[in-house]
Amino acid sequence: MSQEHVEARRAQILEGARRCFARWGYDGATVPRLEKEIGLSHGAIFNYFPSKLDLCVALAREDHERFHR
């Protein structure tokens, strides 16, 4: 896989996860809901992020960086 593909897939996962967390909250954003919102399988999502917590932390880091710019 090219670096561009990896970055695009990570962005896709983060965008879908952001929508899912916004709608359902952390506890309500179950793996099936994440899969549906992102449009990828469990394996595809968690190949990029080891856990739901890691996914949430990645979003928080993005927001933190955006805030400081």
PDB file of N, CA and C in Angstrom:
ATOM      1  N   MET A   1       0.836  -1.190   0.000  1.00  0.00           N
ATOM      2  CA  MET A   1       0.000   0.000   0.000  1.00  0.00           C
ATOM      3  C   MET A   1       0.875   1.246   0.000  1.00  0.00           C
ATOM      4  N   SER A   2       0.441   2.230  -0.736  1.00  0.00           N
ATOM      5  CA  SER A   2       1.174   3.496  -0.769  1.00  0.00           C
ATOM      6  C   SER A   2       0.868   4.304   0.493  1.00  0.00           C
ATOM      7  N   GLN A   3       1.732   5.234   0.788  1.00  0.00           N
ATOM      8  CA  GLN A   3       1.530   6.109   1.946  1.00  0.00           C
ATOM      9  C   GLN A   3       0.251   6.923   1.777  1.00  0.00           C
ATOM     10  N   GLU A   4      -0.056   7.317   0.537  1.00  0.00           N
ATOM     11  CA  GLU A   4      -1.280   8.080   0.274  1.00  0.00           C
ATOM     12  C   GLU A   4      -2.516   7.256   0.604  1.00  0.00           C
ATOM     13  N   HIS A   5      -2.471   5.965   0.260  1.00  0.00           N
ATOM     14  CA  HIS A   5      -3.596   5.079   0.564  1.00  0.00           C
ATOM     15  C   HIS A   5      -3.768   4.933   2.074  1.00  0.00           C
ATOM     16  N   VAL A   6      -2.682   4.746   2.782  1.00  0.00           N
ATOM     17  CA  VAL A   6      -2.727   4.604   4.241  1.00  0.00           C
ATOM     18  C   VAL A   6      -3.312   5.864   4.867  1.00  0.00           C
ATOM     19  N   GLU A   7      -2.850   7.025   4.437  1.00  0.00           N
ATOM     20  CA  GLU A   7      -3.349   8.286   4.993  1.00  0.00           C
ATOM     21  C   GLU A   7      -4.821   8.507   4.663  1.00  0.00           C
ATOM     22  N   ALA A   8      -5.234   8.163   3.451  1.00  0.00           N
ATOM     23  CA  ALA A   8      -6.640   8.301   3.068  1.00  0.00           C
ATOM     24  C   ALA A   8      -7.522   7.367   3.889  1.00  0.00           C
ATOM     25  N   ARG A   9      -7.070   6.151   4.107  1.00  0.00           N
ATOM     26  CA  ARG A   9      -7.857   5.192   4.897  1.00  0.00           C
ATOM     27  C   ARG A   9      -7.963   5.652   6.351  1.00  0.00           C
ATOM     28  N   ARG A  10      -6.868   6.139   6.924  1.00  0.00           N
ATOM     29  CA  ARG A  10      -6.915   6.665   8.300  1.00  0.00           C
ATOM     30  C   ARG A  10      -7.904   7.826   8.393  1.00  0.00           C
ATOM     31  N   ALA A  11      -7.871   8.718   7.399  1.00  0.00           N
ATOM     32  CA  ALA A  11      -8.793   9.858   7.390  1.00  0.00           C
ATOM     33  C   ALA A  11     -10.237   9.380   7.291  1.00  0.00           C
ATOM     34  N   GLN A  12     -10.498   8.385   6.459  1.00  0.00           N
ATOM     35  CA  GLN A  12     -11.846   7.821   6.328  1.00  0.00           C
ATOM     36  C   GLN A  12     -12.320   7.257   7.663  1.00  0.00           C
ATOM     37  N   ILE A  13     -11.455   6.529   8.324  1.00  0.00           N
ATOM     38  CA  ILE A  13     -11.805   5.925   9.614  1.00  0.00           C
ATOM     39  C   ILE A  13     -12.082   7.010  10.646  1.00  0.00           C
ATOM     40  N   LEU A  14     -11.225   8.001  10.715  1.00  0.00           N
ATOM     41  CA  LEU A  14     -11.405   9.066  11.705  1.00  0.00           C
ATOM     42  C   LEU A  14     -12.673   9.876  11.442  1.00  0.00           C
ATOM     43  N   GLU A  15     -12.974  10.169  10.190  1.00  0.00           N
ATOM     44  CA  GLU A  15     -14.197  10.929   9.875  1.00  0.00           C
ATOM     45  C   GLU A  15     -15.447  10.160  10.287  1.00  0.00           C
ATOM     46  N   GLY A  16     -15.477   8.875   9.955  1.00  0.00           N
ATOM     47  CA  GLY A  16     -16.628   8.062  10.341  1.00  0.00           C
ATOM     48  C   GLY A  16     -16.734   7.895  11.843  1.00  0.00           C
ATOM     49  N   ALA A  17     -15.603   7.700  12.492  1.00  0.00           N
ATOM     50  CA  ALA A  17     -15.611   7.557  13.957  1.00  0.00           C
ATOM     51  C   ALA A  17     -16.083   8.842  14.620  1.00  0.00           C
ATOM     52  N   ARG A  18     -15.667   9.984  14.094  1.00  0.00           N
ATOM     53  CA  ARG A  18     -16.106  11.268  14.659  1.00  0.00           C
ATOM     54  C   ARG A  18     -17.639  11.378  14.595  1.00  0.00           C
ATOM     55  N   ARG A  19     -18.219  11.004  13.457  1.00  0.00           N
ATOM     56  CA  ARG A  19     -19.684  11.051  13.324  1.00  0.00           C
ATOM     57  C   ARG A  19     -20.349  10.092  14.315  1.00  0.00           C
ATOM     58  N   CYS A  20     -19.781   8.900  14.430  1.00  0.00           N
ATOM     59  CA  CYS A  20     -20.363   7.890  15.320  1.00  0.00           C
ATOM     60  C   CYS A  20     -20.281   8.323  16.784  1.00  0.00           C
ATOM     61  N   PHE A  21     -19.119   8.819  17.212  1.00  0.00           N
ATOM     62  CA  PHE A  21     -18.965   9.290  18.593  1.00  0.00           C
ATOM     63  C   PHE A  21     -19.877  10.478  18.864  1.00  0.00           C
ATOM     64  N   ALA A  22     -20.030  11.361  17.878  1.00  0.00           N
ATOM     65  CA  ALA A  22     -20.907  12.530  18.059  1.00  0.00           C
ATOM     66  C   ALA A  22     -22.352  12.097  18.244  1.00  0.00           C
ATOM     67  N   ARG A  23     -22.769  11.093  17.494  1.00  0.00           N
ATOM     68  CA  ARG A  23     -24.152  10.634  17.565  1.00  0.00           C
ATOM     69  C   ARG A  23     -24.421   9.785  18.798  1.00  0.00           C
ATOM     70  N   TRP A  24     -23.510   8.880  19.125  1.00  0.00           N
ATOM     71  CA  TRP A  24     -23.783   7.870  20.145  1.00  0.00           C
ATOM     72  C   TRP A  24     -22.980   8.026  21.434  1.00  0.00           C
ATOM     73  N   GLY A  25     -21.989   8.908  21.450  1.00  0.00           N
ATOM     74  CA  GLY A  25     -21.098   9.002  22.606  1.00  0.00           C
ATOM     75  C   GLY A  25     -20.107   7.848  22.579  1.00  0.00           C
ATOM     76  N   TYR A  26     -19.142   7.893  23.476  1.00  0.00           N
ATOM     77  CA  TYR A  26     -18.097   6.870  23.481  1.00  0.00           C
ATOM     78  C   TYR A  26     -18.676   5.479  23.744  1.00  0.00           C
ATOM     79  N   ASP A  27     -19.466   5.352  24.797  1.00  0.00           N
ATOM     80  CA  ASP A  27     -20.011   4.032  25.157  1.00  0.00           C
ATOM     81  C   ASP A  27     -20.974   3.501  24.111  1.00  0.00           C
ATOM     82  N   GLY A  28     -21.748   4.378  23.511  1.00  0.00           N
ATOM     83  CA  GLY A  28     -22.729   3.948  22.517  1.00  0.00           C
ATOM     84  C   GLY A  28     -22.144   3.663  21.144  1.00  0.00           C
ATOM     85  N   ALA A  29     -20.919   4.104  20.919  1.00  0.00           N
ATOM     86  CA  ALA A  29     -20.255   3.866  19.623  1.00  0.00           C
ATOM     87  C   ALA A  29     -19.687   2.450  19.630  1.00  0.00           C
ATOM     88  N   THR A  30     -20.572   1.507  19.479  1.00  0.00           N
ATOM     89  CA  THR A  30     -20.159   0.102  19.492  1.00  0.00           C
ATOM     90  C   THR A  30     -19.420  -0.232  18.197  1.00  0.00           C
ATOM     91  N   VAL A  31     -18.725  -1.347  18.207  1.00  0.00           N
ATOM     92  CA  VAL A  31     -17.997  -1.765  17.004  1.00  0.00           C
ATOM     93  C   VAL A  31     -18.946  -1.900  15.810  1.00  0.00           C
ATOM     94  N   PRO A  32     -20.109  -2.543  15.952  1.00  0.00           N
ATOM     95  CA  PRO A  32     -21.014  -2.601  14.798  1.00  0.00           C
ATOM     96  C   PRO A  32     -21.441  -1.215  14.298  1.00  0.00           C
ATOM     97  N   ARG A  33     -21.658  -0.279  15.195  1.00  0.00           N
ATOM     98  CA  ARG A  33     -22.023   1.073  14.779  1.00  0.00           C
ATOM     99  C   ARG A  33     -20.851   1.769  14.091  1.00  0.00           C
ATOM    100  N   LEU A  34     -19.658   1.581  14.614  1.00  0.00           N
ATOM    101  CA  LEU A  34     -18.471   2.139  13.967  1.00  0.00           C
ATOM    102  C   LEU A  34     -18.305   1.559  12.565  1.00  0.00           C
ATOM    103  N   GLU A  35     -18.468   0.255  12.441  1.00  0.00           N
ATOM    104  CA  GLU A  35     -18.344  -0.394  11.132  1.00  0.00           C
ATOM    105  C   GLU A  35     -19.345   0.197  10.139  1.00  0.00           C
ATOM    106  N   LYS A  36     -20.574   0.352  10.577  1.00  0.00           N
ATOM    107  CA  LYS A  36     -21.616   0.879   9.694  1.00  0.00           C
ATOM    108  C   LYS A  36     -21.328   2.321   9.291  1.00  0.00           C
ATOM    109  N   GLU A  37     -20.945   3.137  10.247  1.00  0.00           N
ATOM    110  CA  GLU A  37     -20.705   4.558   9.979  1.00  0.00           C
ATOM    111  C   GLU A  37     -19.468   4.765   9.109  1.00  0.00           C
ATOM    112  N   ILE A  38     -18.435   3.983   9.352  1.00  0.00           N
ATOM    113  CA  ILE A  38     -17.187   4.126   8.605  1.00  0.00           C
ATOM    114  C   ILE A  38     -17.274   3.433   7.253  1.00  0.00           C
ATOM    115  N   GLY A  39     -18.034   2.354   7.199  1.00  0.00           N
ATOM    116  CA  GLY A  39     -18.171   1.612   5.951  1.00  0.00           C
ATOM    117  C   GLY A  39     -17.074   0.593   5.739  1.00  0.00           C
ATOM    118  N   LEU A  40     -16.436   0.181   6.829  1.00  0.00           N
ATOM    119  CA  LEU A  40     -15.363  -0.810   6.766  1.00  0.00           C
ATOM    120  C   LEU A  40     -15.605  -1.899   7.807  1.00  0.00           C
ATOM    121  N   SER A  41     -14.941  -3.017   7.613  1.00  0.00           N
ATOM    122  CA  SER A  41     -15.062  -4.123   8.561  1.00  0.00           C
ATOM    123  C   SER A  41     -14.259  -3.850   9.824  1.00  0.00           C
ATOM    124  N   HIS A  42     -14.551  -4.643  10.843  1.00  0.00           N
ATOM    125  CA  HIS A  42     -13.821  -4.576  12.115  1.00  0.00           C
ATOM    126  C   HIS A  42     -12.320  -4.678  11.877  1.00  0.00           C
ATOM    127  N   GLY A  43     -11.917  -5.663  11.086  1.00  0.00           N
ATOM    128  CA  GLY A  43     -10.496  -5.877  10.808  1.00  0.00           C
ATOM    129  C   GLY A  43      -9.849  -4.695  10.109  1.00  0.00           C
ATOM    130  N   ALA A  44     -10.564  -4.104   9.174  1.00  0.00           N
ATOM    131  CA  ALA A  44     -10.015  -2.955   8.445  1.00  0.00           C
ATOM    132  C   ALA A  44      -9.835  -1.751   9.368  1.00  0.00           C
ATOM    133  N   ILE A  45     -10.790  -1.525  10.243  1.00  0.00           N
ATOM    134  CA  ILE A  45     -10.714  -0.391  11.171  1.00  0.00           C
ATOM    135  C   ILE A  45      -9.591  -0.603  12.172  1.00  0.00           C
ATOM    136  N   PHE A  46      -9.595  -1.760  12.814  1.00  0.00           N
ATOM    137  CA  PHE A  46      -8.677  -1.985  13.922  1.00  0.00           C
ATOM    138  C   PHE A  46      -7.301  -2.447  13.470  1.00  0.00           C
ATOM    139  N   ASN A  47      -7.096  -2.512  12.172  1.00  0.00           N
ATOM    140  CA  ASN A  47      -5.757  -2.670  11.631  1.00  0.00           C
ATOM    141  C   ASN A  47      -5.009  -1.334  11.745  1.00  0.00           C
ATOM    142  N   TYR A  48      -5.750  -0.234  11.715  1.00  0.00           N
ATOM    143  CA  TYR A  48      -5.167   1.102  11.801  1.00  0.00           C
ATOM    144  C   TYR A  48      -5.156   1.641  13.218  1.00  0.00           C
ATOM    145  N   PHE A  49      -6.109   1.238  14.015  1.00  0.00           N
ATOM    146  CA  PHE A  49      -6.226   1.681  15.402  1.00  0.00           C
ATOM    147  C   PHE A  49      -6.469   0.449  16.266  1.00  0.00           C
ATOM    148  N   PRO A  50      -5.582   0.155  17.217  1.00  0.00           N
ATOM    149  CA  PRO A  50      -5.688  -1.085  17.991  1.00  0.00           C
ATOM    150  C   PRO A  50      -6.978  -1.242  18.820  1.00  0.00           C
ATOM    151  N   SER A  51      -7.600  -0.113  19.191  1.00  0.00           N
ATOM    152  CA  SER A  51      -8.796  -0.201  20.026  1.00  0.00           C
ATOM    153  C   SER A  51      -9.680   1.021  19.804  1.00  0.00           C
ATOM    154  N   LYS A  52     -10.881   0.943  20.326  1.00  0.00           N
ATOM    155  CA  LYS A  52     -11.801   2.079  20.254  1.00  0.00           C
ATOM    156  C   LYS A  52     -11.212   3.267  21.013  1.00  0.00           C
ATOM    157  N   LEU A  53     -10.543   3.008  22.116  1.00  0.00           N
ATOM    158  CA  LEU A  53      -9.910   4.083  22.880  1.00  0.00           C
ATOM    159  C   LEU A  53      -8.824   4.773  22.053  1.00  0.00           C
ATOM    160  N   ASP A  54      -8.017   4.002  21.344  1.00  0.00           N
ATOM    161  CA  ASP A  54      -6.987   4.591  20.492  1.00  0.00           C
ATOM    162  C   ASP A  54      -7.609   5.463  19.400  1.00  0.00           C
ATOM    163  N   LEU A  55      -8.722   5.041  18.882  1.00  0.00           N
ATOM    164  CA  LEU A  55      -9.442   5.812  17.876  1.00  0.00           C
ATOM    165  C   LEU A  55      -9.928   7.137  18.464  1.00  0.00           C
ATOM    166  N   CYS A  56     -10.482   7.082  19.638  1.00  0.00           N
ATOM    167  CA  CYS A  56     -10.977   8.281  20.309  1.00  0.00           C
ATOM    168  C   CYS A  56      -9.824   9.237  20.650  1.00  0.00           C
ATOM    169  N   VAL A  57      -8.716   8.700  21.113  1.00  0.00           N
ATOM    170  CA  VAL A  57      -7.544   9.520  21.438  1.00  0.00           C
ATOM    171  C   VAL A  57      -6.999  10.187  20.178  1.00  0.00           C
ATOM    172  N   ALA A  58      -6.988   9.480  19.053  1.00  0.00           N
ATOM    173  CA  ALA A  58      -6.521  10.070  17.796  1.00  0.00           C
ATOM    174  C   ALA A  58      -7.394  11.263  17.407  1.00  0.00           C
ATOM    175  N   LEU A  59      -8.688  11.144  17.607  1.00  0.00           N
ATOM    176  CA  LEU A  59      -9.588  12.267  17.323  1.00  0.00           C
ATOM    177  C   LEU A  59      -9.322  13.437  18.266  1.00  0.00           C
ATOM    178  N   ALA A  60      -9.098  13.143  19.539  1.00  0.00           N
ATOM    179  CA  ALA A  60      -8.806  14.196  20.516  1.00  0.00           C
ATOM    180  C   ALA A  60      -7.504  14.907  20.156  1.00  0.00           C
ATOM    181  N   ARG A  61      -6.509  14.149  19.706  1.00  0.00           N
ATOM    182  CA  ARG A  61      -5.239  14.767  19.297  1.00  0.00           C
ATOM    183  C   ARG A  61      -5.437  15.674  18.089  1.00  0.00           C
ATOM    184  N   GLU A  62      -6.223  15.215  17.117  1.00  0.00           N
ATOM    185  CA  GLU A  62      -6.519  16.058  15.953  1.00  0.00           C
ATOM    186  C   GLU A  62      -7.173  17.360  16.380  1.00  0.00           C
ATOM    187  N   ASP A  63      -8.156  17.264  17.267  1.00  0.00           N
ATOM    188  CA  ASP A  63      -8.861  18.457  17.739  1.00  0.00           C
ATOM    189  C   ASP A  63      -7.916  19.383  18.490  1.00  0.00           C
ATOM    190  N   HIS A  64      -7.058  18.811  19.307  1.00  0.00           N
ATOM    191  CA  HIS A  64      -6.094  19.589  20.082  1.00  0.00           C
ATOM    192  C   HIS A  64      -5.145  20.346  19.145  1.00  0.00           C
ATOM    193  N   GLU A  65      -4.636  19.655  18.136  1.00  0.00           N
ATOM    194  CA  GLU A  65      -3.735  20.301  17.174  1.00  0.00           C
ATOM    195  C   GLU A  65      -4.444  21.393  16.401  1.00  0.00           C
ATOM    196  N   ARG A  66      -5.685  21.133  15.987  1.00  0.00           N
ATOM    197  CA  ARG A  66      -6.470  22.125  15.246  1.00  0.00           C
ATOM    198  C   ARG A  66      -6.721  23.358  16.113  1.00  0.00           C
ATOM    199  N   PHE A  67      -7.011  23.140  17.388  1.00  0.00           N
ATOM    200  CA  PHE A  67      -7.270  24.245  18.314  1.00  0.00           C
ATOM    201  C   PHE A  67      -6.033  25.136  18.454  1.00  0.00           C
ATOM    202  N   HIS A  68      -4.867  24.525  18.505  1.00  0.00           N
ATOM    203  CA  HIS A  68      -3.638  25.292  18.714  1.00  0.00           C
ATOM    204  C   HIS A  68      -3.133  25.976  17.444  1.00  0.00           C
ATOM    205  N   ARG A  69      -3.649  25.581  16.297  1.00  0.00           N
ATOM    206  CA  ARG A  69      -3.286  26.297  15.052  1.00  0.00           C
ATOM    207  C   ARG A  69      -4.111  27.538  14.976  1.00  0.00           C
TER     208      ARG A  69
END
